Amino acid sequence: RAAAAKAPAAESGEDIRKELEELTELYRFRYFALATVPSDGGRLFTDDVLFSSWPAELIQQFDELNLAGGIIDYVMHSTMPLQLDLGEFAKVVPPEIAEQTQSLLGSYGISRSVIFPVHNKDGSKAKVTFEGNRDFVDEHDVATLHLRSISLFSRYVDIVNRKPEEKHIRFLTIREREC
């Protein structure tokens, strides 16, 4: 886990995806997602997802139930990680669909979700989530995952905002960049 805290900075979108996959496996989750948080009130996960290991059917059903809304509201108003077990999803979804939500997530092997609100210096907001069937995540692991989530989102924004003439740099070797 010390390696997770000291991972090298991602140089490309593929590097970000790989780091998310590694963190998901290391911390015994099943799925991950990195999604922007819309400032315009949009509520579909499909519209905002940048990277995800969620099955397409789960994303579709998630959007059909409009489940992203409560999570987006939480992320818009907090910087603290939120850890939910299957019975606690009612905290972030409308009560009338809490049972459907639990059934949907349970059918995909999700009994725990940890949501990390992340914000960048440019004011953009996103969330990094890890889901799966595992026990409570302790404070040390939550802190490490939160820091890595902030770093990955910040790096994603840096990659997207590179000037066109700088984008080729990520394909150079370390020695080539030094030269």
N, C-alpha and C. Protein backbone atom coordinates (compact mmCIF):
# COMPACT_ATOMS: atom_id res chain seq x y z
N ARG A 1 0.82 -1.20 0.00
CA ARG A 1 0.00 0.00 0.00
C ARG A 1 0.85 1.25 0.00
N ALA A 2 2.07 1.14 0.48
CA ALA A 2 2.97 2.29 0.42
C ALA A 2 3.20 2.70 -1.02
N ALA A 3 3.24 1.72 -1.93
CA ALA A 3 3.42 2.02 -3.35
C ALA A 3 2.24 2.82 -3.88
N ALA A 4 1.04 2.57 -3.38
CA ALA A 4 -0.14 3.30 -3.84
C ALA A 4 -0.03 4.78 -3.48
N ALA A 5 0.56 5.07 -2.34
CA ALA A 5 0.70 6.46 -1.92
C ALA A 5 1.80 7.18 -2.67
N LYS A 6 2.73 6.44 -3.27
CA LYS A 6 3.88 7.04 -3.94
C LYS A 6 3.89 6.78 -5.44
N ALA A 7 2.73 6.47 -6.03
CA ALA A 7 2.67 6.15 -7.45
C ALA A 7 3.14 7.35 -8.28
N PRO A 8 3.85 7.09 -9.38
CA PRO A 8 4.32 8.19 -10.23
C PRO A 8 3.14 8.91 -10.90
N ALA A 9 3.36 10.15 -11.25
CA ALA A 9 2.31 10.95 -11.88
C ALA A 9 1.92 10.36 -13.23
N ALA A 10 0.62 10.30 -13.47
CA ALA A 10 0.11 9.81 -14.74
C ALA A 10 0.46 10.79 -15.84
N GLU A 11 0.83 10.26 -16.99
CA GLU A 11 1.21 11.09 -18.14
C GLU A 11 0.15 11.06 -19.24
N SER A 12 -0.83 10.16 -19.14
CA SER A 12 -1.85 10.04 -20.17
C SER A 12 -3.14 9.52 -19.55
N GLY A 13 -4.21 9.59 -20.32
CA GLY A 13 -5.47 9.03 -19.86
C GLY A 13 -5.35 7.55 -19.56
N GLU A 14 -4.60 6.84 -20.37
CA GLU A 14 -4.40 5.41 -20.14
C GLU A 14 -3.68 5.16 -18.82
N ASP A 15 -2.72 6.02 -18.47
CA ASP A 15 -2.03 5.90 -17.18
C ASP A 15 -3.02 6.09 -16.02
N ILE A 16 -3.92 7.04 -16.17
CA ILE A 16 -4.92 7.28 -15.13
C ILE A 16 -5.81 6.05 -14.96
N ARG A 17 -6.27 5.50 -16.07
CA ARG A 17 -7.11 4.29 -16.02
C ARG A 17 -6.36 3.15 -15.33
N LYS A 18 -5.09 2.95 -15.69
CA LYS A 18 -4.30 1.87 -15.08
C LYS A 18 -4.15 2.08 -13.58
N GLU A 19 -3.90 3.30 -13.16
CA GLU A 19 -3.77 3.57 -11.72
C GLU A 19 -5.07 3.29 -10.99
N LEU A 20 -6.19 3.67 -11.60
CA LEU A 20 -7.49 3.39 -10.98
C LEU A 20 -7.72 1.88 -10.89
N GLU A 21 -7.37 1.15 -11.93
CA GLU A 21 -7.49 -0.32 -11.91
C GLU A 21 -6.62 -0.92 -10.80
N GLU A 22 -5.39 -0.43 -10.68
CA GLU A 22 -4.48 -0.94 -9.65
C GLU A 22 -5.00 -0.65 -8.25
N LEU A 23 -5.50 0.55 -8.03
CA LEU A 23 -6.05 0.89 -6.71
C LEU A 23 -7.28 0.04 -6.40
N THR A 24 -8.11 -0.18 -7.40
CA THR A 24 -9.31 -1.00 -7.22
C THR A 24 -8.93 -2.41 -6.78
N GLU A 25 -7.95 -2.99 -7.43
CA GLU A 25 -7.50 -4.34 -7.08
C GLU A 25 -6.80 -4.35 -5.72
N LEU A 26 -5.92 -3.41 -5.49
CA LEU A 26 -5.15 -3.36 -4.26
C LEU A 26 -6.05 -3.25 -3.02
N TYR A 27 -7.10 -2.45 -3.14
CA TYR A 27 -7.99 -2.23 -2.00
C TYR A 27 -9.22 -3.13 -2.03
N ARG A 28 -9.18 -4.16 -2.88
CA ARG A 28 -10.20 -5.20 -2.92
C ARG A 28 -11.60 -4.70 -3.29
N PHE A 29 -11.65 -3.75 -4.21
CA PHE A 29 -12.94 -3.33 -4.75
C PHE A 29 -13.17 -4.06 -6.06
N ARG A 30 -14.35 -3.92 -6.60
CA ARG A 30 -14.68 -4.55 -7.88
C ARG A 30 -14.68 -3.53 -9.02
N TYR A 31 -15.17 -2.31 -8.74
CA TYR A 31 -15.32 -1.29 -9.78
C TYR A 31 -14.74 0.05 -9.33
N PHE A 32 -14.47 0.90 -10.31
CA PHE A 32 -14.06 2.28 -10.05
C PHE A 32 -14.75 3.17 -11.06
N ALA A 33 -14.79 4.46 -10.74
CA ALA A 33 -15.27 5.46 -11.69
C ALA A 33 -14.65 6.81 -11.36
N LEU A 34 -14.34 7.54 -12.39
CA LEU A 34 -13.95 8.95 -12.29
C LEU A 34 -14.91 9.69 -13.18
N ALA A 35 -15.68 10.59 -12.59
CA ALA A 35 -16.70 11.32 -13.34
C ALA A 35 -16.72 12.78 -12.92
N THR A 36 -16.93 13.64 -13.89
CA THR A 36 -17.05 15.05 -13.58
C THR A 36 -18.37 15.31 -12.88
N VAL A 37 -18.44 16.43 -12.21
CA VAL A 37 -19.68 16.85 -11.56
C VAL A 37 -20.19 18.06 -12.33
N PRO A 38 -21.34 17.92 -12.96
CA PRO A 38 -21.83 19.00 -13.82
C PRO A 38 -22.26 20.22 -13.02
N SER A 39 -21.87 21.38 -13.50
CA SER A 39 -22.29 22.62 -12.84
C SER A 39 -23.65 23.07 -13.37
N ASP A 40 -24.10 22.46 -14.45
CA ASP A 40 -25.36 22.87 -15.08
C ASP A 40 -26.56 22.06 -14.61
N GLY A 41 -26.37 21.22 -13.62
CA GLY A 41 -27.49 20.46 -13.08
C GLY A 41 -27.76 19.15 -13.78
N GLY A 42 -26.96 18.77 -14.76
CA GLY A 42 -27.13 17.48 -15.42
C GLY A 42 -27.03 16.35 -14.40
N ARG A 43 -27.76 15.29 -14.63
CA ARG A 43 -27.81 14.24 -13.61
C ARG A 43 -27.53 12.83 -14.13
N LEU A 44 -27.18 12.66 -15.39
CA LEU A 44 -26.91 11.32 -15.89
C LEU A 44 -25.43 10.98 -15.77
N PHE A 45 -25.18 9.83 -15.19
CA PHE A 45 -23.80 9.36 -15.02
C PHE A 45 -23.13 9.21 -16.39
N THR A 46 -23.87 8.71 -17.37
CA THR A 46 -23.34 8.50 -18.72
C THR A 46 -22.72 9.76 -19.29
N ASP A 47 -23.31 10.91 -19.01
CA ASP A 47 -22.84 12.17 -19.58
C ASP A 47 -21.55 12.66 -18.94
N ASP A 48 -21.24 12.19 -17.76
CA ASP A 48 -20.13 12.75 -16.98
C ASP A 48 -18.97 11.80 -16.73
N VAL A 49 -19.14 10.52 -17.03
CA VAL A 49 -18.09 9.55 -16.72
C VAL A 49 -16.88 9.75 -17.63
N LEU A 50 -15.70 9.79 -17.02
CA LEU A 50 -14.44 9.91 -17.75
C LEU A 50 -13.78 8.55 -17.88
N PHE A 51 -13.71 7.82 -16.77
CA PHE A 51 -13.14 6.47 -16.74
C PHE A 51 -14.01 5.64 -15.81
N SER A 52 -14.27 4.41 -16.19
CA SER A 52 -15.08 3.55 -15.34
C SER A 52 -14.87 2.10 -15.71
N SER A 53 -14.96 1.25 -14.71
CA SER A 53 -14.93 -0.19 -14.94
C SER A 53 -16.32 -0.79 -14.74
N TRP A 54 -17.31 0.07 -14.55
CA TRP A 54 -18.68 -0.41 -14.38
C TRP A 54 -19.16 -1.10 -15.65
N PRO A 55 -19.91 -2.18 -15.53
CA PRO A 55 -20.52 -2.78 -16.72
C PRO A 55 -21.52 -1.79 -17.35
N ALA A 56 -21.63 -1.82 -18.67
CA ALA A 56 -22.53 -0.91 -19.39
C ALA A 56 -23.97 -1.03 -18.89
N GLU A 57 -24.40 -2.24 -18.58
CA GLU A 57 -25.78 -2.45 -18.11
C GLU A 57 -26.01 -1.76 -16.76
N LEU A 58 -25.00 -1.77 -15.89
CA LEU A 58 -25.12 -1.11 -14.59
C LEU A 58 -25.25 0.40 -14.79
N ILE A 59 -24.44 0.96 -15.67
CA ILE A 59 -24.52 2.40 -15.94
C ILE A 59 -25.90 2.75 -16.48
N GLN A 60 -26.41 1.94 -17.40
CA GLN A 60 -27.73 2.21 -17.98
C GLN A 60 -28.82 2.17 -16.92
N GLN A 61 -28.81 1.15 -16.08
CA GLN A 61 -29.83 1.04 -15.03
C GLN A 61 -29.66 2.13 -13.98
N PHE A 62 -28.44 2.49 -13.68
CA PHE A 62 -28.14 3.58 -12.75
C PHE A 62 -28.78 4.88 -13.26
N ASP A 63 -28.61 5.14 -14.56
CA ASP A 63 -29.18 6.33 -15.16
C ASP A 63 -30.71 6.26 -15.25
N GLU A 64 -31.25 5.09 -15.53
CA GLU A 64 -32.70 4.94 -15.59
C GLU A 64 -33.35 5.27 -14.25
N LEU A 65 -32.68 4.94 -13.16
CA LEU A 65 -33.19 5.27 -11.83
C LEU A 65 -32.80 6.69 -11.40
N ASN A 66 -31.99 7.36 -12.22
CA ASN A 66 -31.52 8.72 -11.92
C ASN A 66 -30.81 8.78 -10.56
N LEU A 67 -29.90 7.83 -10.35
CA LEU A 67 -29.22 7.72 -9.06
C LEU A 67 -28.08 8.70 -8.87
N ALA A 68 -27.58 9.28 -9.95
CA ALA A 68 -26.43 10.17 -9.83
C ALA A 68 -26.77 11.46 -9.08
N GLY A 69 -28.02 11.87 -9.12
CA GLY A 69 -28.42 13.16 -8.54
C GLY A 69 -28.02 13.36 -7.09
N GLY A 70 -28.32 12.40 -6.23
CA GLY A 70 -27.99 12.54 -4.81
C GLY A 70 -26.49 12.54 -4.56
N ILE A 71 -25.78 11.75 -5.33
CA ILE A 71 -24.32 11.71 -5.18
C ILE A 71 -23.72 13.03 -5.64
N ILE A 72 -24.23 13.56 -6.75
CA ILE A 72 -23.74 14.85 -7.25
C ILE A 72 -24.00 15.94 -6.22
N ASP A 73 -25.19 15.95 -5.62
CA ASP A 73 -25.49 16.94 -4.59
C ASP A 73 -24.50 16.85 -3.43
N TYR A 74 -24.17 15.63 -3.02
CA TYR A 74 -23.21 15.46 -1.94
C TYR A 74 -21.84 16.02 -2.34
N VAL A 75 -21.38 15.64 -3.52
CA VAL A 75 -20.05 16.06 -3.98
C VAL A 75 -19.98 17.57 -4.15
N MET A 76 -21.05 18.18 -4.60
CA MET A 76 -21.07 19.64 -4.80
C MET A 76 -20.92 20.40 -3.49
N HIS A 77 -21.31 19.79 -2.39
CA HIS A 77 -21.33 20.50 -1.12
C HIS A 77 -20.38 19.93 -0.06
N SER A 78 -19.46 19.08 -0.48
CA SER A 78 -18.55 18.48 0.50
C SER A 78 -17.18 18.22 -0.13
N THR A 79 -16.21 18.15 0.73
CA THR A 79 -14.88 17.72 0.31
C THR A 79 -14.49 16.44 1.03
N MET A 80 -15.37 15.94 1.87
CA MET A 80 -15.07 14.75 2.68
C MET A 80 -15.51 13.47 1.97
N PRO A 81 -14.71 12.42 2.07
CA PRO A 81 -15.12 11.13 1.50
C PRO A 81 -16.39 10.63 2.18
N LEU A 82 -17.17 9.87 1.44
CA LEU A 82 -18.40 9.28 1.96
C LEU A 82 -18.33 7.78 1.72
N GLN A 83 -18.47 7.01 2.79
CA GLN A 83 -18.45 5.56 2.70
C GLN A 83 -19.84 5.03 3.01
N LEU A 84 -20.38 4.25 2.09
CA LEU A 84 -21.73 3.73 2.26
C LEU A 84 -21.74 2.22 2.13
N ASP A 85 -22.48 1.56 3.03
CA ASP A 85 -22.73 0.15 2.78
C ASP A 85 -24.09 0.06 2.12
N LEU A 86 -24.47 -1.11 1.68
CA LEU A 86 -25.68 -1.27 0.88
C LEU A 86 -26.91 -0.68 1.55
N GLY A 87 -27.01 -0.82 2.86
CA GLY A 87 -28.17 -0.30 3.58
C GLY A 87 -28.18 1.21 3.74
N GLU A 88 -27.06 1.86 3.47
CA GLU A 88 -26.96 3.31 3.67
C GLU A 88 -27.14 4.13 2.39
N PHE A 89 -27.39 3.49 1.26
CA PHE A 89 -27.54 4.23 0.02
C PHE A 89 -28.75 5.16 0.05
N ALA A 90 -29.65 4.92 0.99
CA ALA A 90 -30.81 5.81 1.14
C ALA A 90 -30.38 7.22 1.52
N LYS A 91 -29.14 7.38 2.01
CA LYS A 91 -28.64 8.71 2.36
C LYS A 91 -28.46 9.60 1.13
N VAL A 92 -28.23 8.98 -0.04
CA VAL A 92 -27.93 9.76 -1.24
C VAL A 92 -28.91 9.53 -2.39
N VAL A 93 -29.95 8.75 -2.17
CA VAL A 93 -30.97 8.56 -3.20
C VAL A 93 -32.34 8.87 -2.60
N PRO A 94 -33.32 9.22 -3.43
CA PRO A 94 -34.67 9.45 -2.91
C PRO A 94 -35.21 8.20 -2.21
N PRO A 95 -35.89 8.37 -1.09
CA PRO A 95 -36.38 7.22 -0.31
C PRO A 95 -37.24 6.25 -1.11
N GLU A 96 -38.00 6.76 -2.07
CA GLU A 96 -38.90 5.89 -2.84
C GLU A 96 -38.16 4.91 -3.76
N ILE A 97 -36.88 5.14 -4.02
CA ILE A 97 -36.13 4.19 -4.86
C ILE A 97 -34.98 3.54 -4.10
N ALA A 98 -34.95 3.71 -2.79
CA ALA A 98 -33.86 3.13 -1.98
C ALA A 98 -33.82 1.62 -2.12
N GLU A 99 -34.96 0.96 -2.08
CA GLU A 99 -35.00 -0.50 -2.17
C GLU A 99 -34.54 -0.97 -3.56
N GLN A 100 -34.99 -0.29 -4.61
CA GLN A 100 -34.56 -0.62 -5.98
C GLN A 100 -33.05 -0.44 -6.13
N THR A 101 -32.54 0.63 -5.53
CA THR A 101 -31.11 0.92 -5.59
C THR A 101 -30.32 -0.20 -4.94
N GLN A 102 -30.75 -0.61 -3.75
CA GLN A 102 -30.06 -1.69 -3.05
C GLN A 102 -30.10 -2.99 -3.86
N SER A 103 -31.23 -3.27 -4.47
CA SER A 103 -31.36 -4.47 -5.28
C SER A 103 -30.44 -4.43 -6.50
N LEU A 104 -30.41 -3.28 -7.18
CA LEU A 104 -29.56 -3.12 -8.36
C LEU A 104 -28.09 -3.30 -8.00
N LEU A 105 -27.62 -2.57 -6.99
CA LEU A 105 -26.22 -2.63 -6.61
C LEU A 105 -25.84 -4.02 -6.11
N GLY A 106 -26.71 -4.61 -5.32
CA GLY A 106 -26.47 -5.96 -4.82
C GLY A 106 -26.33 -6.98 -5.93
N SER A 107 -27.11 -6.81 -7.00
CA SER A 107 -27.04 -7.75 -8.12
C SER A 107 -25.71 -7.66 -8.87
N TYR A 108 -24.98 -6.57 -8.71
CA TYR A 108 -23.66 -6.41 -9.32
C TYR A 108 -22.52 -6.61 -8.31
N GLY A 109 -22.85 -7.18 -7.16
CA GLY A 109 -21.81 -7.48 -6.18
C GLY A 109 -21.29 -6.24 -5.45
N ILE A 110 -22.15 -5.24 -5.32
CA ILE A 110 -21.74 -4.01 -4.64
C ILE A 110 -22.44 -3.93 -3.29
N SER A 111 -21.67 -4.04 -2.24
CA SER A 111 -22.22 -3.86 -0.89
C SER A 111 -21.58 -2.67 -0.19
N ARG A 112 -20.55 -2.08 -0.83
CA ARG A 112 -19.87 -0.93 -0.25
C ARG A 112 -19.42 -0.02 -1.38
N SER A 113 -19.57 1.28 -1.12
CA SER A 113 -19.09 2.30 -2.05
C SER A 113 -18.38 3.38 -1.25
N VAL A 114 -17.26 3.84 -1.78
CA VAL A 114 -16.57 4.96 -1.17
C VAL A 114 -16.48 6.04 -2.25
N ILE A 115 -16.99 7.22 -1.91
CA ILE A 115 -17.09 8.32 -2.85
C ILE A 115 -16.14 9.42 -2.40
N PHE A 116 -15.28 9.84 -3.31
CA PHE A 116 -14.30 10.88 -3.00
C PHE A 116 -14.58 12.12 -3.84
N PRO A 117 -15.09 13.19 -3.21
CA PRO A 117 -15.23 14.45 -3.95
C PRO A 117 -13.82 14.99 -4.23
N VAL A 118 -13.58 15.40 -5.44
CA VAL A 118 -12.29 15.97 -5.80
C VAL A 118 -12.52 17.29 -6.53
N HIS A 119 -11.67 18.24 -6.23
CA HIS A 119 -11.79 19.58 -6.79
C HIS A 119 -10.41 19.99 -7.29
N ASN A 120 -10.39 20.73 -8.36
CA ASN A 120 -9.11 21.17 -8.91
C ASN A 120 -8.98 22.67 -8.78
N LYS A 121 -7.77 23.18 -8.92
CA LYS A 121 -7.49 24.60 -8.78
C LYS A 121 -8.26 25.45 -9.77
N ASP A 122 -8.68 24.87 -10.90
CA ASP A 122 -9.44 25.64 -11.89
C ASP A 122 -10.94 25.70 -11.56
N GLY A 123 -11.33 25.11 -10.44
CA GLY A 123 -12.72 25.14 -10.01
C GLY A 123 -13.53 23.95 -10.46
N SER A 124 -12.96 23.10 -11.29
CA SER A 124 -13.70 21.92 -11.75
C SER A 124 -13.85 20.91 -10.61
N LYS A 125 -14.97 20.21 -10.66
CA LYS A 125 -15.27 19.22 -9.62
C LYS A 125 -15.53 17.87 -10.26
N ALA A 126 -15.21 16.85 -9.51
CA ALA A 126 -15.44 15.48 -9.98
C ALA A 126 -15.60 14.58 -8.76
N LYS A 127 -15.82 13.33 -9.05
CA LYS A 127 -15.87 12.32 -8.00
C LYS A 127 -15.13 11.10 -8.48
N VAL A 128 -14.43 10.48 -7.55
CA VAL A 128 -13.80 9.19 -7.79
C VAL A 128 -14.51 8.23 -6.84
N THR A 129 -14.97 7.12 -7.39
CA THR A 129 -15.68 6.16 -6.55
C THR A 129 -15.06 4.78 -6.71
N PHE A 130 -15.13 4.03 -5.63
CA PHE A 130 -14.72 2.63 -5.64
C PHE A 130 -15.87 1.84 -5.04
N GLU A 131 -16.26 0.76 -5.72
CA GLU A 131 -17.39 -0.05 -5.28
C GLU A 131 -17.01 -1.51 -5.27
N GLY A 132 -17.65 -2.26 -4.39
CA GLY A 132 -17.43 -3.69 -4.37
C GLY A 132 -18.06 -4.34 -3.16
N ASN A 133 -17.67 -5.57 -2.93
CA ASN A 133 -18.20 -6.35 -1.83
C ASN A 133 -17.06 -6.58 -0.85
N ARG A 134 -16.84 -5.60 0.00
CA ARG A 134 -15.75 -5.69 0.97
C ARG A 134 -16.18 -5.05 2.28
N ASP A 135 -15.38 -5.25 3.31
CA ASP A 135 -15.66 -4.69 4.62
C ASP A 135 -15.42 -3.19 4.63
N PHE A 136 -15.74 -2.60 5.77
CA PHE A 136 -15.51 -1.19 6.01
C PHE A 136 -14.06 -0.83 5.68
N VAL A 137 -13.85 0.33 5.07
CA VAL A 137 -12.51 0.79 4.71
C VAL A 137 -12.01 1.68 5.86
N ASP A 138 -10.85 1.33 6.43
CA ASP A 138 -10.36 2.07 7.59
C ASP A 138 -9.88 3.47 7.20
N GLU A 139 -9.67 4.31 8.22
CA GLU A 139 -9.30 5.71 8.00
C GLU A 139 -8.01 5.88 7.20
N HIS A 140 -7.03 5.05 7.46
CA HIS A 140 -5.75 5.14 6.75
C HIS A 140 -5.95 4.90 5.25
N ASP A 141 -6.71 3.84 4.93
CA ASP A 141 -6.95 3.53 3.52
C ASP A 141 -7.82 4.58 2.84
N VAL A 142 -8.81 5.11 3.56
CA VAL A 142 -9.64 6.19 3.00
C VAL A 142 -8.77 7.41 2.71
N ALA A 143 -7.87 7.75 3.64
CA ALA A 143 -7.00 8.91 3.44
C ALA A 143 -6.09 8.70 2.23
N THR A 144 -5.51 7.52 2.10
CA THR A 144 -4.63 7.23 0.96
C THR A 144 -5.41 7.29 -0.35
N LEU A 145 -6.57 6.65 -0.38
CA LEU A 145 -7.39 6.67 -1.60
C LEU A 145 -7.85 8.09 -1.95
N HIS A 146 -8.15 8.88 -0.94
CA HIS A 146 -8.58 10.26 -1.19
C HIS A 146 -7.45 11.07 -1.82
N LEU A 147 -6.27 10.97 -1.26
CA LEU A 147 -5.12 11.69 -1.81
C LEU A 147 -4.82 11.25 -3.24
N ARG A 148 -4.87 9.94 -3.49
CA ARG A 148 -4.64 9.45 -4.86
C ARG A 148 -5.73 9.93 -5.80
N SER A 149 -6.96 9.99 -5.32
CA SER A 149 -8.07 10.47 -6.15
C SER A 149 -7.88 11.93 -6.54
N ILE A 150 -7.49 12.75 -5.57
CA ILE A 150 -7.24 14.16 -5.84
C ILE A 150 -6.12 14.29 -6.87
N SER A 151 -5.05 13.54 -6.68
CA SER A 151 -3.92 13.59 -7.58
C SER A 151 -4.29 13.15 -8.99
N LEU A 152 -5.05 12.06 -9.11
CA LEU A 152 -5.43 11.57 -10.43
C LEU A 152 -6.33 12.56 -11.17
N PHE A 153 -7.27 13.17 -10.46
CA PHE A 153 -8.14 14.14 -11.13
C PHE A 153 -7.35 15.38 -11.54
N SER A 154 -6.48 15.84 -10.67
CA SER A 154 -5.65 16.99 -11.00
C SER A 154 -4.79 16.70 -12.23
N ARG A 155 -4.22 15.51 -12.26
CA ARG A 155 -3.38 15.12 -13.40
C ARG A 155 -4.22 15.02 -14.67
N TYR A 156 -5.44 14.50 -14.55
CA TYR A 156 -6.34 14.42 -15.70
C TYR A 156 -6.59 15.82 -16.27
N VAL A 157 -6.89 16.78 -15.39
CA VAL A 157 -7.14 18.15 -15.84
C VAL A 157 -5.89 18.72 -16.51
N ASP A 158 -4.72 18.47 -15.95
CA ASP A 158 -3.47 18.94 -16.57
C ASP A 158 -3.29 18.35 -17.97
N ILE A 159 -3.56 17.07 -18.12
CA ILE A 159 -3.41 16.41 -19.43
C ILE A 159 -4.38 17.02 -20.45
N VAL A 160 -5.63 17.21 -20.04
CA VAL A 160 -6.64 17.76 -20.94
C VAL A 160 -6.31 19.19 -21.34
N ASN A 161 -5.72 19.93 -20.41
CA ASN A 161 -5.44 21.35 -20.67
C ASN A 161 -4.09 21.62 -21.31
N ARG A 162 -3.34 20.58 -21.64
CA ARG A 162 -2.06 20.79 -22.31
C ARG A 162 -2.27 21.51 -23.64
N LYS A 163 -1.32 22.33 -23.97
CA LYS A 163 -1.33 22.97 -25.29
C LYS A 163 -1.08 21.87 -26.32
N PRO A 164 -1.64 22.01 -27.51
CA PRO A 164 -1.46 20.96 -28.53
C PRO A 164 0.00 20.60 -28.77
N GLU A 165 0.88 21.58 -28.78
CA GLU A 165 2.30 21.28 -29.04
C GLU A 165 2.96 20.55 -27.89
N GLU A 166 2.34 20.56 -26.68
CA GLU A 166 2.90 19.85 -25.53
C GLU A 166 2.40 18.42 -25.42
N LYS A 167 1.32 18.10 -26.10
CA LYS A 167 0.70 16.79 -25.92
C LYS A 167 1.59 15.63 -26.37
N HIS A 168 2.51 15.87 -27.28
CA HIS A 168 3.40 14.80 -27.73
C HIS A 168 4.40 14.38 -26.65
N ILE A 169 4.61 15.20 -25.65
CA ILE A 169 5.62 14.93 -24.63
C ILE A 169 5.34 13.61 -23.91
N ARG A 170 4.09 13.26 -23.69
CA ARG A 170 3.77 12.05 -22.94
C ARG A 170 4.25 10.78 -23.62
N PHE A 171 4.56 10.83 -24.91
CA PHE A 171 5.02 9.65 -25.63
C PHE A 171 6.53 9.51 -25.62
N LEU A 172 7.23 10.48 -25.07
CA LEU A 172 8.68 10.41 -25.01
C LEU A 172 9.12 9.61 -23.79
N THR A 173 10.27 9.00 -23.88
CA THR A 173 10.82 8.29 -22.73
C THR A 173 11.33 9.33 -21.72
N ILE A 174 11.60 8.89 -20.53
CA ILE A 174 12.13 9.79 -19.50
C ILE A 174 13.43 10.42 -19.98
N ARG A 175 14.31 9.63 -20.57
CA ARG A 175 15.59 10.15 -21.05
C ARG A 175 15.39 11.16 -22.18
N GLU A 176 14.43 10.89 -23.07
CA GLU A 176 14.15 11.82 -24.17
C GLU A 176 13.66 13.16 -23.62
N ARG A 177 12.82 13.11 -22.61
CA ARG A 177 12.33 14.35 -21.99
C ARG A 177 13.46 15.11 -21.33
N GLU A 178 14.39 14.40 -20.69
CA GLU A 178 15.53 15.05 -20.05
C GLU A 178 16.37 15.80 -21.08
N CYS A 179 16.58 15.19 -22.24
CA CYS A 179 17.37 15.83 -23.29
C CYS A 179 16.68 17.09 -23.80
